[in-house]
Protein backbone atom coordinates (compact mmCIF):
# COMPACT_ATOMS: atom_id res chain seq x y z
CA UNK A 1 0.00 0.00 0.00
CA UNK A 2 1.55 3.28 -1.14
CA UNK A 3 0.34 6.81 -0.51
CA UNK A 4 1.48 9.87 -2.46
CA UNK A 5 0.63 13.29 -1.04
CA UNK A 6 0.03 15.79 -3.84
CA UNK A 7 -1.33 18.51 -1.56
CA UNK A 8 -2.25 18.70 2.13
CA UNK A 9 -2.80 22.33 3.09
CA UNK A 10 -6.07 24.08 3.91
CA UNK A 11 -7.86 26.80 1.94
CA UNK A 12 -5.89 28.36 -0.92
CA UNK A 13 -3.01 27.10 -3.08
CA UNK A 14 0.27 28.91 -2.52
CA UNK A 15 3.65 29.02 -4.22
CA UNK A 16 5.06 26.17 -2.14
CA UNK A 17 1.92 24.42 -0.92
CA UNK A 18 -1.11 22.83 -2.51
CA UNK A 19 -4.66 22.04 -1.36
CA UNK A 20 -5.82 18.52 -0.69
CA UNK A 21 -5.15 15.71 -3.16
CA UNK A 22 -3.50 12.34 -2.73
CA UNK A 23 -3.06 9.09 -4.62
CA UNK A 24 -3.45 5.71 -2.95
CA UNK A 25 -1.93 2.68 -4.67
CA UNK A 26 -3.57 -0.46 -3.34
CA UNK A 27 -3.93 -3.88 -4.99
CA UNK A 28 -2.88 -2.49 -8.40
CA UNK A 29 -5.43 0.34 -8.18
CA UNK A 30 -4.46 4.00 -8.32
CA UNK A 31 -7.21 5.89 -6.47
CA UNK A 32 -7.23 9.71 -6.49
CA UNK A 33 -8.61 11.11 -3.24
CA UNK A 34 -9.78 14.73 -3.50
CA UNK A 35 -8.67 16.99 -6.31
CA UNK A 36 -7.80 20.48 -5.15
CA UNK A 37 -6.68 23.20 -7.55
CA UNK A 38 -3.39 22.26 -9.23
CA UNK A 39 -3.77 18.51 -8.82
CA UNK A 40 -2.99 17.71 -12.45
CA UNK A 41 0.21 19.75 -12.25
CA UNK A 42 1.25 17.76 -9.18
CA UNK A 43 0.42 14.50 -10.97
CA UNK A 44 2.74 15.50 -13.80
CA UNK A 45 5.44 16.74 -11.46
CA UNK A 46 5.53 13.41 -9.64
CA UNK A 47 5.24 11.35 -12.85
CA UNK A 48 1.98 9.60 -11.99
CA UNK A 49 0.34 8.05 -15.04
CA UNK A 50 -2.98 9.72 -15.78
CA UNK A 51 -4.22 6.60 -17.54
CA UNK A 52 -4.07 4.56 -14.34
CA UNK A 53 -6.53 6.82 -12.52
CA UNK A 54 -10.00 5.40 -13.10
CA UNK A 55 -11.67 6.26 -9.78
CA UNK A 56 -11.73 9.68 -8.07
CA UNK A 57 -13.16 10.15 -4.58
CA UNK A 58 -14.27 13.67 -3.57
CA UNK A 59 -14.91 14.21 0.14
CA UNK A 60 -16.97 17.41 -0.12
CA UNK A 61 -17.68 20.41 -2.29
CA UNK A 62 -15.40 23.00 -0.74
CA UNK A 63 -13.09 24.38 -3.40
CA UNK A 64 -9.82 23.28 -1.85
CA UNK A 65 -10.97 19.68 -2.30
CA UNK A 66 -12.38 19.64 -5.84
CA UNK A 67 -11.58 22.77 -7.87
CA UNK A 68 -8.94 20.83 -9.79
CA UNK A 69 -11.44 18.25 -11.01
CA UNK A 70 -12.80 19.97 -14.12
CA UNK A 71 -9.27 20.72 -15.32
CA UNK A 72 -8.21 17.11 -14.87
CA UNK A 73 -11.30 15.84 -16.68
CA UNK A 74 -10.60 18.21 -19.57
CA UNK A 75 -6.96 17.17 -19.76
CA UNK A 76 -8.01 13.52 -19.90
CA UNK A 77 -10.11 14.47 -22.92
CA UNK A 78 -7.23 16.28 -24.63
CA UNK A 79 -5.04 13.22 -24.07
CA UNK A 80 -7.63 11.09 -25.92
CA UNK A 81 -8.44 9.04 -22.88
CA UNK A 82 -10.49 5.92 -23.60
CA UNK A 83 -10.90 4.37 -20.13
CA UNK A 84 -14.08 4.94 -18.17
CA UNK A 85 -13.74 7.46 -15.33
CA UNK A 86 -15.77 7.07 -12.13
CA UNK A 87 -16.26 9.99 -9.75
CA UNK A 88 -17.65 9.51 -6.25
CA UNK A 89 -18.81 12.63 -4.43
CA UNK A 90 -21.70 14.52 -2.84
CA UNK A 91 -24.95 15.23 -4.65
CA UNK A 92 -24.34 18.26 -6.85
CA UNK A 93 -20.97 17.25 -8.22
CA UNK A 94 -22.47 15.93 -11.45
CA UNK A 95 -24.37 19.15 -12.10
CA UNK A 96 -21.30 21.29 -11.38
CA UNK A 97 -19.02 19.35 -13.74
CA UNK A 98 -21.50 18.85 -16.57
CA UNK A 99 -22.47 22.54 -16.54
CA UNK A 100 -18.84 23.49 -17.12
CA UNK A 101 -18.44 20.92 -19.88
CA UNK A 102 -21.63 22.10 -21.62
CA UNK A 103 -20.72 25.79 -21.34
CA UNK A 104 -17.32 25.18 -22.89
CA UNK A 105 -18.62 22.66 -25.43
CA UNK A 106 -15.99 20.27 -24.13
CA UNK A 107 -17.63 16.88 -23.99
CA UNK A 108 -15.48 13.92 -23.09
CA UNK A 109 -14.68 11.18 -25.56
CA UNK A 110 -14.68 8.67 -22.71
CA UNK A 111 -17.44 7.47 -20.43
CA UNK A 112 -17.84 9.65 -17.33
CA UNK A 113 -19.79 8.07 -14.48
CA UNK A 114 -20.91 9.99 -11.39
CA UNK A 115 -21.75 8.17 -8.17
CA UNK A 116 -23.45 10.83 -6.06
CA UNK A 117 -23.53 10.39 -2.31
CA UNK A 118 -26.14 11.58 0.18
CA UNK A 119 -26.30 8.96 2.93
CA UNK A 120 -25.53 9.98 6.50
CA UNK A 121 -24.56 6.38 7.24
CA UNK A 122 -21.44 4.53 6.12
CA UNK A 123 -21.99 2.69 2.84
CA UNK A 124 -20.01 0.64 0.35
CA UNK A 125 -19.40 2.75 -2.76
CA UNK A 126 -16.88 0.57 -4.61
CA UNK A 127 -16.00 -3.10 -4.51
CA UNK A 128 -14.18 -5.62 -6.65
CA UNK A 129 -12.34 -8.90 -6.02
CA UNK A 130 -9.47 -7.24 -4.16
CA UNK A 131 -10.64 -3.97 -2.58
CA UNK A 132 -13.71 -2.48 -0.92
CA UNK A 133 -14.26 1.26 -0.35
CA UNK A 134 -16.70 2.62 2.24
CA UNK A 135 -17.71 6.12 3.24
CA UNK A 136 -16.95 7.56 6.68
CA UNK A 137 -19.55 10.21 7.62
CA UNK A 138 -17.71 13.33 8.84
CA UNK A 139 -18.84 16.39 10.81
CA UNK A 140 -18.09 19.47 8.72
CA UNK A 141 -19.89 22.64 7.63
CA UNK A 142 -21.35 20.93 4.57
CA UNK A 143 -22.07 17.29 3.70
CA UNK A 144 -18.71 15.50 3.88
CA UNK A 145 -17.41 11.94 3.74
CA UNK A 146 -14.12 10.35 4.57
CA UNK A 147 -13.21 7.12 2.82
CA UNK A 148 -12.10 3.74 4.14
CA UNK A 149 -10.08 1.61 1.72
CA UNK A 150 -9.78 -2.05 2.72
CA UNK A 151 -7.93 -4.87 1.02
CA UNK A 152 -9.74 -8.18 0.85
CA UNK A 153 -7.96 -11.30 2.04
CA UNK A 154 -5.71 -12.40 -0.79
CA UNK A 155 -4.61 -15.81 -1.98
CA UNK A 156 -2.46 -18.10 0.12
CA UNK A 157 1.27 -18.44 -0.54
CA UNK A 158 2.88 -21.59 -1.90
CA UNK A 159 4.94 -23.56 0.55
CA UNK A 160 7.84 -24.04 -1.85
CA UNK A 161 9.51 -26.76 0.17
CA UNK A 162 6.31 -28.81 0.45
CA UNK A 163 5.50 -28.37 -3.24
CA UNK A 164 8.99 -29.65 -4.11
CA UNK A 165 8.74 -32.52 -1.61
CA UNK A 166 5.50 -33.83 -3.11
CA UNK A 167 6.59 -33.00 -6.68
CA UNK A 168 3.46 -30.93 -7.33
CA UNK A 169 3.16 -29.77 -10.93
CA UNK A 170 2.79 -26.07 -11.71
CA UNK A 171 -0.68 -26.59 -13.12
CA UNK A 172 -1.93 -26.99 -9.53
CA UNK A 173 -0.27 -23.87 -8.11
CA UNK A 174 -3.24 -21.55 -8.57
CA UNK A 175 -5.58 -24.13 -7.07
CA UNK A 176 -3.32 -24.40 -4.03
CA UNK A 177 -3.12 -20.62 -3.60
CA UNK A 178 -6.93 -20.53 -3.77
CA UNK A 179 -7.15 -23.00 -0.88
CA UNK A 180 -7.47 -26.31 -2.71
CA UNK A 181 -5.85 -29.65 -1.97
CA UNK A 182 -4.05 -31.86 -4.50
CA UNK A 183 -4.57 -35.56 -5.24
CA UNK A 184 -1.37 -37.33 -6.28
CA UNK A 185 -1.25 -40.04 -8.96
CA UNK A 186 -1.02 -42.56 -6.10
CA UNK A 187 -4.40 -41.39 -4.83
CA UNK A 188 -2.95 -39.70 -1.76
CA UNK A 189 -4.62 -36.37 -0.97
CA UNK A 190 -2.24 -33.64 0.16
CA UNK A 191 -4.11 -31.06 2.23
CA UNK A 192 -3.83 -27.38 1.52
CA UNK A 193 -2.46 -26.73 5.00
CA UNK A 194 0.66 -28.67 4.00
CA UNK A 195 1.09 -27.04 0.61
CA UNK A 196 0.48 -23.39 1.41
CA UNK A 197 1.12 -20.63 3.90
CA UNK A 198 -1.38 -18.04 5.17
CA UNK A 199 -2.07 -15.01 2.96
CA UNK A 200 -0.73 -11.58 3.83
CA UNK A 201 -2.84 -9.70 6.37
CA UNK A 202 -5.15 -7.31 4.47
CA UNK A 203 -4.31 -3.63 4.93
CA UNK A 204 -6.58 -0.64 5.39
CA UNK A 205 -6.39 3.12 4.97
CA UNK A 206 -8.80 5.73 6.32
CA UNK A 207 -8.96 9.27 4.92
CA UNK A 208 -10.69 11.75 7.25
CA UNK A 209 -10.63 15.36 6.08
CA UNK A 210 -12.36 17.79 6.83
CA UNK A 211 -14.04 17.25 10.19
CA UNK A 212 -14.68 18.53 13.66
CA UNK A 213 -13.45 16.25 16.45
CA UNK A 214 -16.10 13.52 16.44
CA UNK A 215 -15.79 10.17 18.19
CA UNK A 216 -18.66 8.74 16.14
CA UNK A 217 -16.16 7.85 13.39
CA UNK A 218 -14.21 5.52 15.67
CA UNK A 219 -16.23 2.34 14.90
CA UNK A 220 -15.53 2.84 11.19
CA UNK A 221 -11.77 3.25 11.54
CA UNK A 222 -11.08 0.90 14.46
CA UNK A 223 -7.68 -0.76 14.07
CA UNK A 224 -6.86 0.55 10.59
CA UNK A 225 -3.25 0.36 9.46
CA UNK A 226 -3.09 4.03 8.53
CA UNK A 227 -5.34 6.97 9.43
CA UNK A 228 -5.02 10.31 7.66
CA UNK A 229 -6.79 12.84 9.86
CA UNK A 230 -7.02 16.55 9.36
CA UNK A 231 -5.16 18.82 11.79
CA UNK A 232 -6.00 22.31 10.66
CA UNK A 233 -5.11 24.01 13.95
CA UNK A 234 -2.76 23.80 16.90
CA UNK A 235 -4.15 24.01 20.42
CA UNK A 236 -3.39 27.73 20.57
CA UNK A 237 -6.11 28.24 17.95
CA UNK A 238 -8.49 25.56 19.23
CA UNK A 239 -11.17 28.23 19.65
CA UNK A 240 -11.56 28.28 15.85
CA UNK A 241 -12.53 24.60 15.59
CA UNK A 242 -16.24 24.82 16.41
CA UNK A 243 -16.89 27.72 14.05
CA UNK A 244 -14.95 26.20 11.14
CA UNK A 245 -15.67 22.58 12.03
CA UNK A 246 -12.05 21.55 11.82
CA UNK A 247 -9.78 19.72 14.28
CA UNK A 248 -6.51 20.26 16.08
CA UNK A 249 -3.45 18.03 15.96
CA UNK A 250 -4.15 16.86 19.52
CA UNK A 251 -7.72 16.00 18.63
CA UNK A 252 -6.57 13.97 15.62
CA UNK A 253 -4.19 12.10 17.92
CA UNK A 254 -6.98 11.44 20.40
CA UNK A 255 -9.10 9.89 17.64
CA UNK A 256 -6.14 7.73 16.58
CA UNK A 257 -5.61 6.60 20.16
CA UNK A 258 -9.26 5.76 20.79
CA UNK A 259 -9.51 3.90 17.48
CA UNK A 260 -6.28 1.98 18.18
CA UNK A 261 -4.92 2.69 14.71
CA UNK A 262 -1.38 1.64 13.86
CA UNK A 263 -0.20 4.86 12.23
CA UNK A 264 -1.50 8.44 12.12
CA UNK A 265 -0.72 10.87 9.31
CA UNK A 266 -1.57 14.52 9.92
CA UNK A 267 -2.53 16.97 7.17
CA UNK A 268 -4.79 19.84 6.06
CA UNK A 269 -2.71 22.37 7.95
CA UNK A 270 -3.63 26.03 8.19
CA UNK A 271 -0.90 28.07 6.53
CA UNK A 272 -0.81 30.50 9.49
CA UNK A 273 1.94 28.42 11.13
CA UNK A 274 5.64 28.70 10.44
CA UNK A 275 6.44 24.99 10.77
CA UNK A 276 4.34 21.86 10.45
CA UNK A 277 6.68 20.13 12.93
CA UNK A 278 4.63 21.82 15.64
CA UNK A 279 1.67 19.61 14.69
CA UNK A 280 3.68 16.45 15.25
CA UNK A 281 5.02 17.68 18.57
CA UNK A 282 1.53 18.38 19.86
CA UNK A 283 0.02 15.15 18.52
CA UNK A 284 2.74 12.98 20.05
CA UNK A 285 1.75 14.08 23.53
CA UNK A 286 -1.34 11.90 22.94
CA UNK A 287 -0.33 9.29 20.32
CA UNK A 288 3.21 8.19 19.51
CA UNK A 289 3.05 6.92 15.93
CA UNK A 290 2.61 10.21 14.08
CA UNK A 291 3.82 11.15 10.61
CA UNK A 292 3.44 14.47 8.84
CA UNK A 293 2.01 14.73 5.35
CA UNK A 294 3.67 17.30 3.13
CA UNK A 295 3.40 17.98 -0.58
CA UNK A 296 5.32 15.33 -2.49
CA UNK A 297 5.70 12.94 0.44
CA UNK A 298 5.56 9.18 -0.14
CA UNK A 299 4.43 6.64 2.45
CA UNK A 300 4.58 2.88 2.06
CA UNK A 301 2.94 0.44 4.47
């Protein structure tokens, strides 16, 4: 599981910082999460293949989370994209994007599918044989979702020594990895427990931005491998959180602690602060395993 931070700052793009956008690589998928202004420039800068992005998840309709979307859609068109593109976001996103395409007479040559979200409960919005994606209802000024990405349990691993010992032919390897046993020419049945090893533990990633401190999300993110949680403010500006419905670094850490997550990544910083290291210092007074997102950062778990 690899995470690329394209932007992780609040409000407006600046010379050296970008609004929210990130790419999650999981089970051969490349999922784009949020698409703030300048996202396509960041994708080019970090040499991420546009053609591999087939699913875009938009948390909410504040500009710093989706104003880059129409530009990216248009660039896909200019690049003669053929793959279907699926966009998951709040009700209204389809109208906003199609209005811009109609006004500019810039219709896509590829299929554009909108999956509009309105539920206040967690729901599955994408699923295939390897990955499932669910919404995480967040508490912000407008309708907002986080997203939980979960790997499904994969195939078992071949026990190479056992396969060699019983002289198992390669034609049976996939059956073994899928949990099957093998019958030898002698009639002896070799159980799967002898021929294979357990699959890798499935990994999970939770994206939670933007939100007020809200413990109601804890059941959805309990025990995840990695939690990205917004930390717009430090405690010195905690009085802004209720009005703006954002969180502090300490509050993000408290959520991570209560949810017993393995790793916390902070982001969505207000640009009023001179150093983002201050966010880590504050968060680690509550929860030890803290990393800082920054534009261009890579994380691998």
